[in-house]
Amino acid sequence: MMDRFFQNRERALAVFLFSALLLVSACGSKRDEQQTAAVDTSDVYTLEVLKDRLEKDKYFLSSPDTPVKASDITLFKGLAYFPPDKRYAIPVVLQRLAEPEEIVMATSKDKPRSMLRIGYFSFDIEGQPCTLQVYAPKDTSDGTYWFIPFADQTNDEDTYAGGRYIDIDDTSSDSTFLDFNYAYSPYCAYNERYDCPIPPVDNVLPVFIRAGEKRYPLKHAH
């Protein structure tokens, strides 16, 4: 019974991906062939990650709230990503502070933003101990959303120079996954008019995180 469930789930996701690819192409965009040519349709996790990425491309192409500049939209061919890699979906446990600590986080337009530091994650990547502080915007202090801004050694070369973010929406348990396959660039990576939090120095990782979103492709357009 369980095998049949996963087979059906895989089939549904594969159909979604195929349909989404046709829709994105119809909007004038073409996905990076390397991102879609080797899709493992037998793996539910990989399909879920790719589904999320295609939905984001569709939003960027069609939403009136897209962060892509109007002058760039006709050149937009989808965001660039590292291939999904389960090794970067890391099980972690939030080490909570006794009381959330209010901090002021710098932003790209020098408009400091109030955040609550609620704890931290400790984990290893390729044998390297790492720690990331976990925050919540002050207006969501009820703990329904965790925000992890971070920088790593791929910044500027392979990923956005200003760092990337991870959101955790399911905060029902302190045991969760820190999934770098869902790491994304702030909106100011696509459009300088946005004001974006800058990862604090405590969240600069000493390792290369080759997962999640890469640099905005238009930055390399000729």
C-alpha atoms as a PDB file:
ATOM      1  CA  MET A   1       0.000   0.000   0.000  1.00  0.00           C
ATOM      2  CA  MET A   2       2.749   2.464   0.936  1.00  0.00           C
ATOM      3  CA  ASP A   3       4.704   1.647  -2.247  1.00  0.00           C
ATOM      4  CA  ARG A   4       1.595   2.385  -4.281  1.00  0.00           C
ATOM      5  CA  PHE A   5       1.163   5.736  -2.489  1.00  0.00           C
ATOM      6  CA  PHE A   6       4.697   6.840  -3.346  1.00  0.00           C
ATOM      7  CA  GLN A   7       4.350   5.640  -6.931  1.00  0.00           C
ATOM      8  CA  ASN A   8       1.196   7.713  -7.313  1.00  0.00           C
ATOM      9  CA  ARG A   9       2.867  10.698  -5.642  1.00  0.00           C
ATOM     10  CA  GLU A  10       5.864  10.433  -7.960  1.00  0.00           C
ATOM     11  CA  ARG A  11       3.611  10.176 -11.005  1.00  0.00           C
ATOM     12  CA  ALA A  12       1.580  13.226  -9.987  1.00  0.00           C
ATOM     13  CA  LEU A  13       4.702  15.289  -9.367  1.00  0.00           C
ATOM     14  CA  ALA A  14       6.244  14.191 -12.665  1.00  0.00           C
ATOM     15  CA  VAL A  15       3.086  15.248 -14.517  1.00  0.00           C
ATOM     16  CA  PHE A  16       3.155  18.601 -12.702  1.00  0.00           C
ATOM     17  CA  LEU A  17       6.791  19.169 -13.662  1.00  0.00           C
ATOM     18  CA  PHE A  18       6.137  18.375 -17.319  1.00  0.00           C
ATOM     19  CA  SER A  19       3.087  20.645 -17.412  1.00  0.00           C
ATOM     20  CA  ALA A  20       4.919  23.442 -15.612  1.00  0.00           C
ATOM     21  CA  LEU A  21       7.830  23.242 -18.024  1.00  0.00           C
ATOM     22  CA  LEU A  22       5.438  23.679 -20.946  1.00  0.00           C
ATOM     23  CA  LEU A  23       3.752  26.635 -19.244  1.00  0.00           C
ATOM     24  CA  VAL A  24       7.029  28.361 -18.375  1.00  0.00           C
ATOM     25  CA  SER A  25       8.244  27.864 -21.940  1.00  0.00           C
ATOM     26  CA  ALA A  26       4.986  29.327 -23.255  1.00  0.00           C
ATOM     27  CA  CYS A  27       5.633  32.434 -21.148  1.00  0.00           C
ATOM     28  CA  GLY A  28       8.878  32.951 -23.012  1.00  0.00           C
ATOM     29  CA  SER A  29      11.206  31.188 -20.594  1.00  0.00           C
ATOM     30  CA  LYS A  30      13.421  28.149 -21.057  1.00  0.00           C
ATOM     31  CA  ARG A  31      14.808  26.246 -18.103  1.00  0.00           C
ATOM     32  CA  ASP A  32      18.486  25.475 -17.900  1.00  0.00           C
ATOM     33  CA  GLU A  33      18.729  22.122 -19.692  1.00  0.00           C
ATOM     34  CA  GLN A  34      21.174  20.806 -17.118  1.00  0.00           C
ATOM     35  CA  GLN A  35      18.580  21.361 -14.385  1.00  0.00           C
ATOM     36  CA  THR A  36      15.848  19.309 -16.053  1.00  0.00           C
ATOM     37  CA  ALA A  37      17.602  16.763 -18.245  1.00  0.00           C
ATOM     38  CA  ALA A  38      18.643  14.487 -15.380  1.00  0.00           C
ATOM     39  CA  VAL A  39      15.490  14.651 -13.241  1.00  0.00           C
ATOM     40  CA  ASP A  40      15.182  11.493 -11.154  1.00  0.00           C
ATOM     41  CA  THR A  41      11.434  10.860 -11.348  1.00  0.00           C
ATOM     42  CA  SER A  42      11.766   7.940  -8.927  1.00  0.00           C
ATOM     43  CA  ASP A  43      12.649  10.241  -6.041  1.00  0.00           C
ATOM     44  CA  VAL A  44       9.820  12.141  -4.369  1.00  0.00           C
ATOM     45  CA  TYR A  45      12.139  14.556  -2.560  1.00  0.00           C
ATOM     46  CA  THR A  46      13.870  15.632  -5.790  1.00  0.00           C
ATOM     47  CA  LEU A  47      10.522  16.137  -7.506  1.00  0.00           C
ATOM     48  CA  GLU A  48       9.257  18.261  -4.617  1.00  0.00           C
ATOM     49  CA  VAL A  49      12.322  20.512  -4.792  1.00  0.00           C
ATOM     50  CA  LEU A  50      12.001  20.916  -8.571  1.00  0.00           C
ATOM     51  CA  LYS A  51       8.261  21.577  -8.249  1.00  0.00           C
ATOM     52  CA  ASP A  52       8.976  24.402  -5.800  1.00  0.00           C
ATOM     53  CA  ARG A  53      11.536  25.897  -8.179  1.00  0.00           C
ATOM     54  CA  LEU A  54       9.209  25.796 -11.169  1.00  0.00           C
ATOM     55  CA  GLU A  55       6.432  27.435  -9.165  1.00  0.00           C
ATOM     56  CA  LYS A  56       8.802  30.236  -8.217  1.00  0.00           C
ATOM     57  CA  ASP A  57       9.778  30.781 -11.858  1.00  0.00           C
ATOM     58  CA  LYS A  58       6.105  30.943 -12.829  1.00  0.00           C
ATOM     59  CA  TYR A  59       5.481  33.505 -10.088  1.00  0.00           C
ATOM     60  CA  PHE A  60       8.429  35.633 -11.155  1.00  0.00           C
ATOM     61  CA  LEU A  61       7.226  35.550 -14.761  1.00  0.00           C
ATOM     62  CA  SER A  62       3.530  36.200 -14.252  1.00  0.00           C
ATOM     63  CA  SER A  63       2.871  37.914 -10.921  1.00  0.00           C
ATOM     64  CA  PRO A  64       2.289  41.680 -10.806  1.00  0.00           C
ATOM     65  CA  ASP A  65       4.394  41.577  -7.614  1.00  0.00           C
ATOM     66  CA  THR A  66       7.410  39.976  -9.283  1.00  0.00           C
ATOM     67  CA  PRO A  67      10.744  41.358  -8.051  1.00  0.00           C
ATOM     68  CA  VAL A  68      12.169  41.114 -11.582  1.00  0.00           C
ATOM     69  CA  LYS A  69      12.569  44.518 -13.185  1.00  0.00           C
ATOM     70  CA  ALA A  70      10.133  45.328 -15.987  1.00  0.00           C
ATOM     71  CA  SER A  71      13.131  45.969 -18.218  1.00  0.00           C
ATOM     72  CA  ASP A  72      14.454  42.451 -17.484  1.00  0.00           C
ATOM     73  CA  ILE A  73      11.290  40.360 -17.657  1.00  0.00           C
ATOM     74  CA  THR A  74      11.635  39.530 -21.357  1.00  0.00           C
ATOM     75  CA  LEU A  75      15.164  38.243 -20.679  1.00  0.00           C
ATOM     76  CA  PHE A  76      14.171  36.179 -17.645  1.00  0.00           C
ATOM     77  CA  LYS A  77      14.664  32.470 -18.349  1.00  0.00           C
ATOM     78  CA  GLY A  78      14.259  31.044 -14.872  1.00  0.00           C
ATOM     79  CA  LEU A  79      16.447  31.126 -11.787  1.00  0.00           C
ATOM     80  CA  ALA A  80      19.639  29.093 -11.583  1.00  0.00           C
ATOM     81  CA  TYR A  81      20.145  26.385  -8.948  1.00  0.00           C
ATOM     82  CA  PHE A  82      22.503  23.715  -7.761  1.00  0.00           C
ATOM     83  CA  PRO A  83      21.027  20.236  -8.402  1.00  0.00           C
ATOM     84  CA  PRO A  84      18.942  18.914  -5.475  1.00  0.00           C
ATOM     85  CA  ASP A  85      21.206  17.098  -3.021  1.00  0.00           C
ATOM     86  CA  LYS A  86      19.786  15.288   0.002  1.00  0.00           C
ATOM     87  CA  ARG A  87      23.076  15.650   1.856  1.00  0.00           C
ATOM     88  CA  TYR A  88      22.187  19.309   2.357  1.00  0.00           C
ATOM     89  CA  ALA A  89      18.865  18.474   4.057  1.00  0.00           C
ATOM     90  CA  ILE A  90      20.302  18.304   7.553  1.00  0.00           C
ATOM     91  CA  PRO A  91      18.380  17.163  10.641  1.00  0.00           C
ATOM     92  CA  VAL A  92      18.777  19.742  13.420  1.00  0.00           C
ATOM     93  CA  VAL A  93      17.320  20.623  16.812  1.00  0.00           C
ATOM     94  CA  LEU A  94      16.719  24.231  17.797  1.00  0.00           C
ATOM     95  CA  GLN A  95      18.755  25.106  20.876  1.00  0.00           C
ATOM     96  CA  ARG A  96      16.422  27.680  22.349  1.00  0.00           C
ATOM     97  CA  LEU A  97      17.446  30.690  24.371  1.00  0.00           C
ATOM     98  CA  ALA A  98      15.779  30.928  27.756  1.00  0.00           C
ATOM     99  CA  GLU A  99      14.157  34.142  26.477  1.00  0.00           C
ATOM    100  CA  PRO A 100      14.158  35.511  22.900  1.00  0.00           C
ATOM    101  CA  GLU A 101      16.732  38.262  22.502  1.00  0.00           C
ATOM    102  CA  GLU A 102      15.761  41.370  20.582  1.00  0.00           C
ATOM    103  CA  ILE A 103      18.447  42.383  18.110  1.00  0.00           C
ATOM    104  CA  VAL A 104      18.793  44.912  15.317  1.00  0.00           C
ATOM    105  CA  MET A 105      19.727  43.437  11.942  1.00  0.00           C
ATOM    106  CA  ALA A 106      21.421  45.575   9.297  1.00  0.00           C
ATOM    107  CA  THR A 107      19.812  45.833   5.850  1.00  0.00           C
ATOM    108  CA  SER A 108      20.978  46.635   2.335  1.00  0.00           C
ATOM    109  CA  LYS A 109      19.483  50.138   2.461  1.00  0.00           C
ATOM    110  CA  ASP A 110      20.736  50.855   5.963  1.00  0.00           C
ATOM    111  CA  LYS A 111      17.290  50.648   7.523  1.00  0.00           C
ATOM    112  CA  PRO A 112      17.913  48.418  10.565  1.00  0.00           C
ATOM    113  CA  ARG A 113      15.203  45.870  11.273  1.00  0.00           C
ATOM    114  CA  SER A 114      14.139  44.502  14.660  1.00  0.00           C
ATOM    115  CA  MET A 115      14.412  40.734  15.000  1.00  0.00           C
ATOM    116  CA  LEU A 116      14.149  38.217  17.802  1.00  0.00           C
ATOM    117  CA  ARG A 117      17.004  35.734  18.142  1.00  0.00           C
ATOM    118  CA  ILE A 118      15.305  32.633  19.453  1.00  0.00           C
ATOM    119  CA  GLY A 119      18.153  30.108  19.414  1.00  0.00           C
ATOM    120  CA  TYR A 120      20.604  28.348  17.139  1.00  0.00           C
ATOM    121  CA  PHE A 121      21.266  25.193  15.132  1.00  0.00           C
ATOM    122  CA  SER A 122      24.513  23.239  15.448  1.00  0.00           C
ATOM    123  CA  PHE A 123      25.425  20.756  12.720  1.00  0.00           C
ATOM    124  CA  ASP A 124      28.304  19.373  10.667  1.00  0.00           C
ATOM    125  CA  ILE A 125      28.957  19.734   6.952  1.00  0.00           C
ATOM    126  CA  GLU A 126      31.645  17.420   5.569  1.00  0.00           C
ATOM    127  CA  GLY A 127      33.115  17.115   9.049  1.00  0.00           C
ATOM    128  CA  GLN A 128      33.169  20.878   9.650  1.00  0.00           C
ATOM    129  CA  PRO A 129      31.236  22.015  12.762  1.00  0.00           C
ATOM    130  CA  CYS A 130      28.829  24.847  11.931  1.00  0.00           C
ATOM    131  CA  THR A 131      26.363  27.015  13.825  1.00  0.00           C
ATOM    132  CA  LEU A 132      23.557  29.219  12.554  1.00  0.00           C
ATOM    133  CA  GLN A 133      21.558  31.635  14.669  1.00  0.00           C
ATOM    134  CA  VAL A 134      17.785  31.405  14.204  1.00  0.00           C
ATOM    135  CA  TYR A 135      15.618  34.522  14.134  1.00  0.00           C
ATOM    136  CA  ALA A 136      11.989  35.529  13.995  1.00  0.00           C
ATOM    137  CA  PRO A 137      10.808  38.919  12.738  1.00  0.00           C
ATOM    138  CA  LYS A 138       9.557  40.826  15.761  1.00  0.00           C
ATOM    139  CA  ASP A 139       5.996  40.919  14.428  1.00  0.00           C
ATOM    140  CA  THR A 140       5.891  37.093  14.377  1.00  0.00           C
ATOM    141  CA  SER A 141       7.198  36.569  17.885  1.00  0.00           C
ATOM    142  CA  ASP A 142       4.580  33.851  18.426  1.00  0.00           C
ATOM    143  CA  GLY A 143       7.124  31.519  16.821  1.00  0.00           C
ATOM    144  CA  THR A 144       5.221  30.567  13.672  1.00  0.00           C
ATOM    145  CA  TYR A 145       8.105  31.440  11.353  1.00  0.00           C
ATOM    146  CA  TRP A 146      11.869  30.988  11.683  1.00  0.00           C
ATOM    147  CA  PHE A 147      14.259  33.030   9.576  1.00  0.00           C
ATOM    148  CA  ILE A 148      17.848  31.935   8.936  1.00  0.00           C
ATOM    149  CA  PRO A 149      19.934  34.447   6.951  1.00  0.00           C
ATOM    150  CA  PHE A 150      23.388  33.067   6.170  1.00  0.00           C
ATOM    151  CA  ALA A 151      26.521  33.590   4.131  1.00  0.00           C
ATOM    152  CA  ASP A 152      28.968  30.937   2.970  1.00  0.00           C
ATOM    153  CA  GLN A 153      32.058  30.491   0.846  1.00  0.00           C
ATOM    154  CA  THR A 154      30.109  30.323  -2.449  1.00  0.00           C
ATOM    155  CA  ASN A 155      28.973  33.941  -2.133  1.00  0.00           C
ATOM    156  CA  ASP A 156      29.912  36.300  -4.957  1.00  0.00           C
ATOM    157  CA  GLU A 157      31.312  33.501  -7.118  1.00  0.00           C
ATOM    158  CA  ASP A 158      28.442  30.989  -7.406  1.00  0.00           C
ATOM    159  CA  THR A 159      25.762  32.598  -5.254  1.00  0.00           C
ATOM    160  CA  TYR A 160      24.543  36.091  -4.427  1.00  0.00           C
ATOM    161  CA  ALA A 161      27.267  38.160  -2.787  1.00  0.00           C
ATOM    162  CA  GLY A 162      24.951  39.377  -0.029  1.00  0.00           C
ATOM    163  CA  GLY A 163      24.153  35.878   1.238  1.00  0.00           C
ATOM    164  CA  ARG A 164      20.982  33.806   1.159  1.00  0.00           C
ATOM    165  CA  TYR A 165      18.044  32.902   3.365  1.00  0.00           C
ATOM    166  CA  ILE A 166      16.221  29.808   4.604  1.00  0.00           C
ATOM    167  CA  ASP A 167      12.670  29.960   5.994  1.00  0.00           C
ATOM    168  CA  ILE A 168      11.179  27.339   8.289  1.00  0.00           C
ATOM    169  CA  ASP A 169       7.391  27.576   8.402  1.00  0.00           C
ATOM    170  CA  ASP A 170       6.634  24.423  10.381  1.00  0.00           C
ATOM    171  CA  THR A 171       7.747  25.357  13.892  1.00  0.00           C
ATOM    172  CA  SER A 172       5.574  22.825  15.699  1.00  0.00           C
ATOM    173  CA  SER A 173       8.689  20.947  16.832  1.00  0.00           C
ATOM    174  CA  ASP A 174      12.204  22.046  17.703  1.00  0.00           C
ATOM    175  CA  SER A 175      13.421  19.011  15.725  1.00  0.00           C
ATOM    176  CA  THR A 176      13.384  19.909  12.058  1.00  0.00           C
ATOM    177  CA  PHE A 177      15.433  19.941   8.854  1.00  0.00           C
ATOM    178  CA  LEU A 178      17.760  22.723   7.817  1.00  0.00           C
ATOM    179  CA  ASP A 179      17.371  22.232   4.079  1.00  0.00           C
ATOM    180  CA  PHE A 180      19.865  24.212   2.022  1.00  0.00           C
ATOM    181  CA  ASN A 181      18.230  22.974  -1.187  1.00  0.00           C
ATOM    182  CA  TYR A 182      15.592  25.611  -0.415  1.00  0.00           C
ATOM    183  CA  ALA A 183      18.126  28.392   0.250  1.00  0.00           C
ATOM    184  CA  TYR A 184      17.066  31.448  -1.730  1.00  0.00           C
ATOM    185  CA  SER A 185      18.416  34.858  -2.649  1.00  0.00           C
ATOM    186  CA  PRO A 186      16.872  38.046  -1.236  1.00  0.00           C
ATOM    187  CA  TYR A 187      14.850  40.217  -3.595  1.00  0.00           C
ATOM    188  CA  CYS A 188      17.654  42.759  -3.786  1.00  0.00           C
ATOM    189  CA  ALA A 189      19.598  40.150  -5.782  1.00  0.00           C
ATOM    190  CA  TYR A 190      17.166  40.835  -8.648  1.00  0.00           C
ATOM    191  CA  ASN A 191      16.298  44.464  -8.047  1.00  0.00           C
ATOM    192  CA  GLU A 192      18.236  47.042  -6.046  1.00  0.00           C
ATOM    193  CA  ARG A 193      15.095  48.914  -4.988  1.00  0.00           C
ATOM    194  CA  TYR A 194      14.394  46.291  -2.316  1.00  0.00           C
ATOM    195  CA  ASP A 195      15.652  46.517   1.256  1.00  0.00           C
ATOM    196  CA  CYS A 196      16.998  43.160   2.484  1.00  0.00           C
ATOM    197  CA  PRO A 197      18.388  41.912   5.809  1.00  0.00           C
ATOM    198  CA  ILE A 198      22.130  41.250   5.776  1.00  0.00           C
ATOM    199  CA  PRO A 199      23.266  37.970   7.395  1.00  0.00           C
ATOM    200  CA  PRO A 200      24.970  38.759  10.732  1.00  0.00           C
ATOM    201  CA  VAL A 201      28.625  37.853  11.143  1.00  0.00           C
ATOM    202  CA  ASP A 202      27.617  34.968  13.440  1.00  0.00           C
ATOM    203  CA  ASN A 203      25.885  33.369  10.460  1.00  0.00           C
ATOM    204  CA  VAL A 204      28.857  33.366   8.083  1.00  0.00           C
ATOM    205  CA  LEU A 205      29.650  29.705   7.457  1.00  0.00           C
ATOM    206  CA  PRO A 206      33.261  28.566   6.854  1.00  0.00           C
ATOM    207  CA  VAL A 207      32.143  26.025   4.231  1.00  0.00           C
ATOM    208  CA  PHE A 208      30.882  25.962   0.638  1.00  0.00           C
ATOM    209  CA  ILE A 209      27.121  25.400   0.529  1.00  0.00           C
ATOM    210  CA  ARG A 210      26.664  24.095  -3.015  1.00  0.00           C
ATOM    211  CA  ALA A 211      22.909  23.798  -2.716  1.00  0.00           C
ATOM    212  CA  GLY A 212      19.904  25.996  -3.347  1.00  0.00           C
ATOM    213  CA  GLU A 213      19.729  29.104  -5.488  1.00  0.00           C
ATOM    214  CA  LYS A 214      22.710  30.351  -7.478  1.00  0.00           C
ATOM    215  CA  ARG A 215      23.472  33.867  -8.660  1.00  0.00           C
ATOM    216  CA  TYR A 216      20.757  35.624 -10.639  1.00  0.00           C
ATOM    217  CA  PRO A 217      21.272  34.483 -14.253  1.00  0.00           C
ATOM    218  CA  LEU A 218      20.726  37.944 -15.737  1.00  0.00           C
ATOM    219  CA  LYS A 219      23.887  39.099 -13.986  1.00  0.00           C
ATOM    220  CA  HIS A 220      25.785  36.949 -16.496  1.00  0.00           C
ATOM    221  CA  ALA A 221      23.744  37.898 -19.569  1.00  0.00           C
ATOM    222  CA  HIS A 222      25.585  39.496 -22.464  1.00  0.00           C
END
